[in-house]
């Protein structure tokens, strides 16, 4: 019995992060210069190389801290899109 209790106590906790979430790293230029500061960003998936053909919903993330133009966010558009 103690072995079972010990096994449950040391088992890794279930992940609260969705299996469809991923990390996106990007670069933002503002006025021709690398952006610095807090920005409100929107992200969308598209099936087209140019604007249009959007899949799923648009994600808004605010504020995103950007330093020397570089930022990193976690995005989750849900299942079934990839």
PDB file of N, CA and C in Angstrom:
ATOM      1  N   UNK A   1       0.828  -1.193   0.000  1.00  0.00           N
ATOM      2  CA  UNK A   1       0.000   0.000   0.000  1.00  0.00           C
ATOM      3  C   UNK A   1       0.872   1.257   0.000  1.00  0.00           C
ATOM      4  N   UNK A   2       1.947   1.254   0.809  1.00  0.00           N
ATOM      5  CA  UNK A   2       2.808   2.438   0.872  1.00  0.00           C
ATOM      6  C   UNK A   2       3.481   2.715  -0.455  1.00  0.00           C
ATOM      7  N   UNK A   3       3.787   1.668  -1.197  1.00  0.00           N
ATOM      8  CA  UNK A   3       4.412   1.842  -2.506  1.00  0.00           C
ATOM      9  C   UNK A   3       3.470   2.569  -3.461  1.00  0.00           C
ATOM     10  N   UNK A   4       2.183   2.246  -3.409  1.00  0.00           N
ATOM     11  CA  UNK A   4       1.194   2.921  -4.238  1.00  0.00           C
ATOM     12  C   UNK A   4       1.079   4.389  -3.846  1.00  0.00           C
ATOM     13  N   UNK A   5       1.029   4.669  -2.555  1.00  0.00           N
ATOM     14  CA  UNK A   5       0.941   6.052  -2.069  1.00  0.00           C
ATOM     15  C   UNK A   5       2.177   6.835  -2.478  1.00  0.00           C
ATOM     16  N   UNK A   6       3.347   6.227  -2.331  1.00  0.00           N
ATOM     17  CA  UNK A   6       4.588   6.883  -2.720  1.00  0.00           C
ATOM     18  C   UNK A   6       4.605   7.161  -4.225  1.00  0.00           C
ATOM     19  N   UNK A   7       4.139   6.203  -5.015  1.00  0.00           N
ATOM     20  CA  UNK A   7       4.084   6.383  -6.467  1.00  0.00           C
ATOM     21  C   UNK A   7       3.157   7.514  -6.869  1.00  0.00           C
ATOM     22  N   UNK A   8       2.023   7.614  -6.220  1.00  0.00           N
ATOM     23  CA  UNK A   8       1.087   8.702  -6.525  1.00  0.00           C
ATOM     24  C   UNK A   8       1.625  10.048  -6.068  1.00  0.00           C
ATOM     25  N   UNK A   9       2.324  10.064  -4.955  1.00  0.00           N
ATOM     26  CA  UNK A   9       2.860  11.318  -4.424  1.00  0.00           C
ATOM     27  C   UNK A   9       3.988  11.857  -5.292  1.00  0.00           C
ATOM     28  N   UNK A  10       4.739  10.972  -5.946  1.00  0.00           N
ATOM     29  CA  UNK A  10       5.871  11.420  -6.760  1.00  0.00           C
ATOM     30  C   UNK A  10       5.538  11.492  -8.243  1.00  0.00           C
ATOM     31  N   UNK A  11       4.326  11.123  -8.647  1.00  0.00           N
ATOM     32  CA  UNK A  11       3.930  11.199 -10.054  1.00  0.00           C
ATOM     33  C   UNK A  11       3.880  12.653 -10.490  1.00  0.00           C
ATOM     34  N   UNK A  12       4.274  12.934 -11.723  1.00  0.00           N
ATOM     35  CA  UNK A  12       4.223  14.316 -12.187  1.00  0.00           C
ATOM     36  C   UNK A  12       2.792  14.827 -12.203  1.00  0.00           C
ATOM     37  N   UNK A  13       2.645  16.097 -11.870  1.00  0.00           N
ATOM     38  CA  UNK A  13       1.309  16.711 -11.876  1.00  0.00           C
ATOM     39  C   UNK A  13       0.822  16.816 -13.312  1.00  0.00           C
ATOM     40  N   UNK A  14      -0.483  16.762 -13.498  1.00  0.00           N
ATOM     41  CA  UNK A  14      -1.030  16.890 -14.846  1.00  0.00           C
ATOM     42  C   UNK A  14      -0.762  18.300 -15.381  1.00  0.00           C
ATOM     43  N   UNK A  15      -0.502  18.390 -16.654  1.00  0.00           N
ATOM     44  CA  UNK A  15      -0.178  19.673 -17.268  1.00  0.00           C
ATOM     45  C   UNK A  15      -1.451  20.494 -17.418  1.00  0.00           C
ATOM     46  N   UNK A  16      -1.391  21.740 -16.971  1.00  0.00           N
ATOM     47  CA  UNK A  16      -2.548  22.613 -17.107  1.00  0.00           C
ATOM     48  C   UNK A  16      -2.553  23.291 -18.465  1.00  0.00           C
ATOM     49  N   UNK A  17      -1.410  23.283 -19.151  1.00  0.00           N
ATOM     50  CA  UNK A  17      -1.319  23.907 -20.459  1.00  0.00           C
ATOM     51  C   UNK A  17      -1.907  22.968 -21.510  1.00  0.00           C
ATOM     52  N   UNK A  18      -2.636  23.526 -22.442  1.00  0.00           N
ATOM     53  CA  UNK A  18      -3.274  22.741 -23.485  1.00  0.00           C
ATOM     54  C   UNK A  18      -2.250  22.090 -24.399  1.00  0.00           C
ATOM     55  N   UNK A  19      -2.586  20.939 -24.945  1.00  0.00           N
ATOM     56  CA  UNK A  19      -1.691  20.242 -25.866  1.00  0.00           C
ATOM     57  C   UNK A  19      -1.607  20.960 -27.207  1.00  0.00           C
ATOM     58  N   UNK A  20      -2.474  21.924 -27.464  1.00  0.00           N
ATOM     59  CA  UNK A  20      -2.457  22.647 -28.736  1.00  0.00           C
ATOM     60  C   UNK A  20      -1.712  23.977 -28.638  1.00  0.00           C
ATOM     61  N   UNK A  21      -1.224  24.327 -27.463  1.00  0.00           N
ATOM     62  CA  UNK A  21      -0.505  25.595 -27.281  1.00  0.00           C
ATOM     63  C   UNK A  21       0.927  25.466 -27.786  1.00  0.00           C
ATOM     64  N   UNK A  22       1.468  26.564 -28.301  1.00  0.00           N
ATOM     65  CA  UNK A  22       2.855  26.590 -28.751  1.00  0.00           C
ATOM     66  C   UNK A  22       3.440  27.969 -28.495  1.00  0.00           C
ATOM     67  N   UNK A  23       4.758  28.027 -28.455  1.00  0.00           N
ATOM     68  CA  UNK A  23       5.463  29.281 -28.235  1.00  0.00           C
ATOM     69  C   UNK A  23       5.818  29.897 -29.579  1.00  0.00           C
ATOM     70  N   UNK A  24       5.528  31.187 -29.721  1.00  0.00           N
ATOM     71  CA  UNK A  24       5.849  31.919 -30.942  1.00  0.00           C
ATOM     72  C   UNK A  24       6.837  33.019 -30.592  1.00  0.00           C
ATOM     73  N   UNK A  25       7.932  33.067 -31.304  1.00  0.00           N
ATOM     74  CA  UNK A  25       8.916  34.126 -31.120  1.00  0.00           C
ATOM     75  C   UNK A  25       8.891  34.995 -32.364  1.00  0.00           C
ATOM     76  N   UNK A  26       8.856  36.303 -32.165  1.00  0.00           N
ATOM     77  CA  UNK A  26       8.766  37.194 -33.312  1.00  0.00           C
ATOM     78  C   UNK A  26       9.591  38.452 -33.138  1.00  0.00           C
ATOM     79  N   UNK A  27       9.585  39.246 -34.198  1.00  0.00           N
ATOM     80  CA  UNK A  27      10.296  40.523 -34.218  1.00  0.00           C
ATOM     81  C   UNK A  27       9.326  41.573 -34.724  1.00  0.00           C
ATOM     82  N   UNK A  28       9.262  42.703 -34.038  1.00  0.00           N
ATOM     83  CA  UNK A  28       8.359  43.786 -34.404  1.00  0.00           C
ATOM     84  C   UNK A  28       9.156  45.055 -34.642  1.00  0.00           C
ATOM     85  N   UNK A  29       8.871  45.696 -35.772  1.00  0.00           N
ATOM     86  CA  UNK A  29       9.497  46.972 -36.115  1.00  0.00           C
ATOM     87  C   UNK A  29       8.411  48.032 -36.059  1.00  0.00           C
ATOM     88  N   UNK A  30       8.716  49.159 -35.442  1.00  0.00           N
ATOM     89  CA  UNK A  30       7.773  50.272 -35.317  1.00  0.00           C
ATOM     90  C   UNK A  30       8.458  51.531 -35.850  1.00  0.00           C
ATOM     91  N   UNK A  31       7.941  52.073 -36.934  1.00  0.00           N
ATOM     92  CA  UNK A  31       8.543  53.272 -37.522  1.00  0.00           C
ATOM     93  C   UNK A  31       9.934  53.015 -38.084  1.00  0.00           C
ATOM     94  N   UNK A  32      10.170  51.786 -38.570  1.00  0.00           N
ATOM     95  CA  UNK A  32      11.451  51.444 -39.147  1.00  0.00           C
ATOM     96  C   UNK A  32      12.522  51.057 -38.136  1.00  0.00           C
ATOM     97  N   UNK A  33      12.186  51.100 -36.859  1.00  0.00           N
ATOM     98  CA  UNK A  33      13.140  50.772 -35.793  1.00  0.00           C
ATOM     99  C   UNK A  33      12.606  49.605 -34.966  1.00  0.00           C
ATOM    100  N   UNK A  34      13.493  48.818 -34.361  1.00  0.00           N
ATOM    101  CA  UNK A  34      13.025  47.742 -33.476  1.00  0.00           C
ATOM    102  C   UNK A  34      12.151  48.315 -32.354  1.00  0.00           C
ATOM    103  N   UNK A  35      10.998  47.698 -32.146  1.00  0.00           N
ATOM    104  CA  UNK A  35      10.053  48.172 -31.146  1.00  0.00           C
ATOM    105  C   UNK A  35      10.581  47.935 -29.734  1.00  0.00           C
ATOM    106  N   UNK A  36      10.202  48.813 -28.824  1.00  0.00           N
ATOM    107  CA  UNK A  36      10.500  48.691 -27.398  1.00  0.00           C
ATOM    108  C   UNK A  36       9.283  49.145 -26.623  1.00  0.00           C
ATOM    109  N   UNK A  37       8.924  48.392 -25.586  1.00  0.00           N
ATOM    110  CA  UNK A  37       7.796  48.778 -24.749  1.00  0.00           C
ATOM    111  C   UNK A  37       6.712  47.722 -24.748  1.00  0.00           C
ATOM    112  N   UNK A  38       5.530  48.128 -24.291  1.00  0.00           N
ATOM    113  CA  UNK A  38       4.378  47.232 -24.197  1.00  0.00           C
ATOM    114  C   UNK A  38       3.457  47.473 -25.391  1.00  0.00           C
ATOM    115  N   UNK A  39       3.082  46.410 -26.086  1.00  0.00           N
ATOM    116  CA  UNK A  39       2.226  46.488 -27.264  1.00  0.00           C
ATOM    117  C   UNK A  39       1.055  45.531 -27.110  1.00  0.00           C
ATOM    118  N   UNK A  40      -0.084  45.878 -27.718  1.00  0.00           N
ATOM    119  CA  UNK A  40      -1.234  44.993 -27.815  1.00  0.00           C
ATOM    120  C   UNK A  40      -1.130  44.305 -29.175  1.00  0.00           C
ATOM    121  N   UNK A  41      -1.002  42.968 -29.180  1.00  0.00           N
ATOM    122  CA  UNK A  41      -0.808  42.225 -30.416  1.00  0.00           C
ATOM    123  C   UNK A  41      -1.985  41.319 -30.707  1.00  0.00           C
ATOM    124  N   UNK A  42      -2.240  41.076 -32.004  1.00  0.00           N
ATOM    125  CA  UNK A  42      -3.261  40.134 -32.452  1.00  0.00           C
ATOM    126  C   UNK A  42      -2.607  39.122 -33.374  1.00  0.00           C
ATOM    127  N   UNK A  43      -3.048  37.853 -33.249  1.00  0.00           N
ATOM    128  CA  UNK A  43      -2.497  36.764 -34.037  1.00  0.00           C
ATOM    129  C   UNK A  43      -3.634  35.992 -34.691  1.00  0.00           C
ATOM    130  N   UNK A  44      -3.440  35.607 -35.956  1.00  0.00           N
ATOM    131  CA  UNK A  44      -4.433  34.825 -36.686  1.00  0.00           C
ATOM    132  C   UNK A  44      -3.717  33.833 -37.590  1.00  0.00           C
ATOM    133  N   UNK A  45      -4.357  32.708 -37.836  1.00  0.00           N
ATOM    134  CA  UNK A  45      -3.840  31.707 -38.768  1.00  0.00           C
ATOM    135  C   UNK A  45      -4.495  31.926 -40.119  1.00  0.00           C
ATOM    136  N   UNK A  46      -3.712  31.764 -41.189  1.00  0.00           N
ATOM    137  CA  UNK A  46      -4.236  31.956 -42.527  1.00  0.00           C
ATOM    138  C   UNK A  46      -3.812  30.797 -43.421  1.00  0.00           C
ATOM    139  N   UNK A  47      -4.685  30.420 -44.336  1.00  0.00           N
ATOM    140  CA  UNK A  47      -4.351  29.389 -45.313  1.00  0.00           C
ATOM    141  C   UNK A  47      -3.780  30.009 -46.584  1.00  0.00           C
ATOM    142  N   UNK A  48      -3.673  31.323 -46.630  1.00  0.00           N
ATOM    143  CA  UNK A  48      -3.166  32.052 -47.796  1.00  0.00           C
ATOM    144  C   UNK A  48      -1.840  32.729 -47.442  1.00  0.00           C
ATOM    145  N   UNK A  49      -0.943  32.918 -48.422  1.00  0.00           N
ATOM    146  CA  UNK A  49       0.326  33.600 -48.138  1.00  0.00           C
ATOM    147  C   UNK A  49       0.148  35.094 -47.862  1.00  0.00           C
ATOM    148  N   UNK A  50      -0.918  35.677 -48.352  1.00  0.00           N
ATOM    149  CA  UNK A  50      -1.219  37.089 -48.093  1.00  0.00           C
ATOM    150  C   UNK A  50      -2.487  37.163 -47.255  1.00  0.00           C
ATOM    151  N   UNK A  51      -2.916  38.342 -46.923  1.00  0.00           N
ATOM    152  CA  UNK A  51      -4.100  38.532 -46.076  1.00  0.00           C
ATOM    153  C   UNK A  51      -5.317  37.815 -46.654  1.00  0.00           C
ATOM    154  N   UNK A  52      -6.056  37.131 -45.798  1.00  0.00           N
ATOM    155  CA  UNK A  52      -7.254  36.408 -46.216  1.00  0.00           C
ATOM    156  C   UNK A  52      -7.150  34.942 -45.877  1.00  0.00           C
ATOM    157  N   UNK A  53      -8.243  34.209 -46.049  1.00  0.00           N
ATOM    158  CA  UNK A  53      -8.275  32.785 -45.775  1.00  0.00           C
ATOM    159  C   UNK A  53      -8.030  32.444 -44.324  1.00  0.00           C
ATOM    160  N   UNK A  54      -8.526  33.285 -43.399  1.00  0.00           N
ATOM    161  CA  UNK A  54      -8.263  33.077 -41.976  1.00  0.00           C
ATOM    162  C   UNK A  54      -8.974  31.846 -41.441  1.00  0.00           C
ATOM    163  N   UNK A  55      -8.290  31.139 -40.560  1.00  0.00           N
ATOM    164  CA  UNK A  55      -8.805  29.928 -39.925  1.00  0.00           C
ATOM    165  C   UNK A  55      -8.985  30.186 -38.438  1.00  0.00           C
ATOM    166  N   UNK A  56     -10.111  29.774 -37.900  1.00  0.00           N
ATOM    167  CA  UNK A  56     -10.323  29.935 -36.464  1.00  0.00           C
ATOM    168  C   UNK A  56     -10.463  31.392 -36.058  1.00  0.00           C
ATOM    169  N   UNK A  57     -10.292  31.636 -34.783  1.00  0.00           N
ATOM    170  CA  UNK A  57     -10.475  32.987 -34.243  1.00  0.00           C
ATOM    171  C   UNK A  57      -9.143  33.718 -34.133  1.00  0.00           C
ATOM    172  N   UNK A  58      -9.229  35.027 -34.010  1.00  0.00           N
ATOM    173  CA  UNK A  58      -8.056  35.878 -33.805  1.00  0.00           C
ATOM    174  C   UNK A  58      -7.760  35.934 -32.314  1.00  0.00           C
ATOM    175  N   UNK A  59      -6.492  35.784 -31.952  1.00  0.00           N
ATOM    176  CA  UNK A  59      -6.079  35.865 -30.553  1.00  0.00           C
ATOM    177  C   UNK A  59      -5.517  37.250 -30.276  1.00  0.00           C
ATOM    178  N   UNK A  60      -5.981  37.884 -29.217  1.00  0.00           N
ATOM    179  CA  UNK A  60      -5.459  39.176 -28.782  1.00  0.00           C
ATOM    180  C   UNK A  60      -4.689  38.957 -27.487  1.00  0.00           C
ATOM    181  N   UNK A  61      -3.468  39.485 -27.440  1.00  0.00           N
ATOM    182  CA  UNK A  61      -2.635  39.363 -26.245  1.00  0.00           C
ATOM    183  C   UNK A  61      -2.114  40.751 -25.900  1.00  0.00           C
ATOM    184  N   UNK A  62      -2.408  41.178 -24.682  1.00  0.00           N
ATOM    185  CA  UNK A  62      -1.981  42.508 -24.246  1.00  0.00           C
ATOM    186  C   UNK A  62      -1.727  42.486 -22.746  1.00  0.00           C
ATOM    187  N   UNK A  63      -0.758  43.169 -22.274  1.00  0.00           N
ATOM    188  CA  UNK A  63       0.342  43.760 -23.030  1.00  0.00           C
ATOM    189  C   UNK A  63       1.424  42.721 -23.289  1.00  0.00           C
ATOM    190  N   UNK A  64       2.121  42.886 -24.395  1.00  0.00           N
ATOM    191  CA  UNK A  64       3.279  42.062 -24.720  1.00  0.00           C
ATOM    192  C   UNK A  64       4.495  42.969 -24.608  1.00  0.00           C
ATOM    193  N   UNK A  65       5.422  42.600 -23.740  1.00  0.00           N
ATOM    194  CA  UNK A  65       6.636  43.395 -23.569  1.00  0.00           C
ATOM    195  C   UNK A  65       7.621  43.060 -24.679  1.00  0.00           C
ATOM    196  N   UNK A  66       8.083  44.092 -25.380  1.00  0.00           N
ATOM    197  CA  UNK A  66       8.981  43.915 -26.510  1.00  0.00           C
ATOM    198  C   UNK A  66      10.266  44.675 -26.221  1.00  0.00           C
ATOM    199  N   UNK A  67      11.379  43.994 -26.411  1.00  0.00           N
ATOM    200  CA  UNK A  67      12.680  44.594 -26.156  1.00  0.00           C
ATOM    201  C   UNK A  67      13.558  44.437 -27.389  1.00  0.00           C
ATOM    202  N   UNK A  68      14.026  45.557 -27.912  1.00  0.00           N
ATOM    203  CA  UNK A  68      14.868  45.566 -29.106  1.00  0.00           C
ATOM    204  C   UNK A  68      14.189  44.829 -30.261  1.00  0.00           C
ATOM    205  N   UNK A  69      12.856  44.925 -30.326  1.00  0.00           N
ATOM    206  CA  UNK A  69      12.080  44.325 -31.401  1.00  0.00           C
ATOM    207  C   UNK A  69      11.696  42.880 -31.194  1.00  0.00           C
ATOM    208  N   UNK A  70      12.217  42.223 -30.162  1.00  0.00           N
ATOM    209  CA  UNK A  70      11.981  40.797 -29.968  1.00  0.00           C
ATOM    210  C   UNK A  70      10.922  40.532 -28.897  1.00  0.00           C
ATOM    211  N   UNK A  71      10.087  39.523 -29.162  1.00  0.00           N
ATOM    212  CA  UNK A  71       9.064  39.141 -28.191  1.00  0.00           C
ATOM    213  C   UNK A  71       8.803  37.642 -28.292  1.00  0.00           C
ATOM    214  N   UNK A  72       8.142  37.103 -27.266  1.00  0.00           N
ATOM    215  CA  UNK A  72       7.765  35.701 -27.222  1.00  0.00           C
ATOM    216  C   UNK A  72       6.404  35.601 -26.541  1.00  0.00           C
ATOM    217  N   UNK A  73       5.474  34.861 -27.154  1.00  0.00           N
ATOM    218  CA  UNK A  73       4.141  34.650 -26.595  1.00  0.00           C
ATOM    219  C   UNK A  73       3.767  33.177 -26.730  1.00  0.00           C
ATOM    220  N   UNK A  74       2.806  32.758 -25.930  1.00  0.00           N
ATOM    221  CA  UNK A  74       2.236  31.423 -26.058  1.00  0.00           C
ATOM    222  C   UNK A  74       0.885  31.570 -26.733  1.00  0.00           C
ATOM    223  N   UNK A  75       0.686  30.834 -27.831  1.00  0.00           N
ATOM    224  CA  UNK A  75      -0.556  30.904 -28.599  1.00  0.00           C
ATOM    225  C   UNK A  75      -1.266  29.563 -28.540  1.00  0.00           C
ATOM    226  N   UNK A  76      -2.598  29.614 -28.537  1.00  0.00           N
ATOM    227  CA  UNK A  76      -3.395  28.398 -28.563  1.00  0.00           C
ATOM    228  C   UNK A  76      -4.651  28.668 -29.393  1.00  0.00           C
ATOM    229  N   UNK A  77      -4.656  28.191 -30.617  1.00  0.00           N
ATOM    230  CA  UNK A  77      -5.807  28.374 -31.506  1.00  0.00           C
ATOM    231  C   UNK A  77      -6.802  27.243 -31.377  1.00  0.00           C
ATOM    232  N   UNK A  78      -6.529  26.283 -30.504  1.00  0.00           N
ATOM    233  CA  UNK A  78      -7.423  25.153 -30.307  1.00  0.00           C
ATOM    234  C   UNK A  78      -7.079  23.999 -31.243  1.00  0.00           C
ATOM    235  N   UNK A  79      -7.804  22.922 -31.085  1.00  0.00           N
ATOM    236  CA  UNK A  79      -7.535  21.732 -31.873  1.00  0.00           C
ATOM    237  C   UNK A  79      -8.186  21.765 -33.243  1.00  0.00           C
ATOM    238  N   UNK A  80      -7.703  20.928 -34.131  1.00  0.00           N
ATOM    239  CA  UNK A  80      -8.324  20.760 -35.438  1.00  0.00           C
ATOM    240  C   UNK A  80      -7.862  21.717 -36.512  1.00  0.00           C
ATOM    241  N   UNK A  81      -6.974  22.650 -36.210  1.00  0.00           N
ATOM    242  CA  UNK A  81      -6.539  23.613 -37.219  1.00  0.00           C
ATOM    243  C   UNK A  81      -5.233  23.226 -37.888  1.00  0.00           C
ATOM    244  N   UNK A  82      -4.465  22.350 -37.265  1.00  0.00           N
ATOM    245  CA  UNK A  82      -3.171  21.966 -37.833  1.00  0.00           C
ATOM    246  C   UNK A  82      -3.242  20.564 -38.392  1.00  0.00           C
TER     247      UNK A  82
END
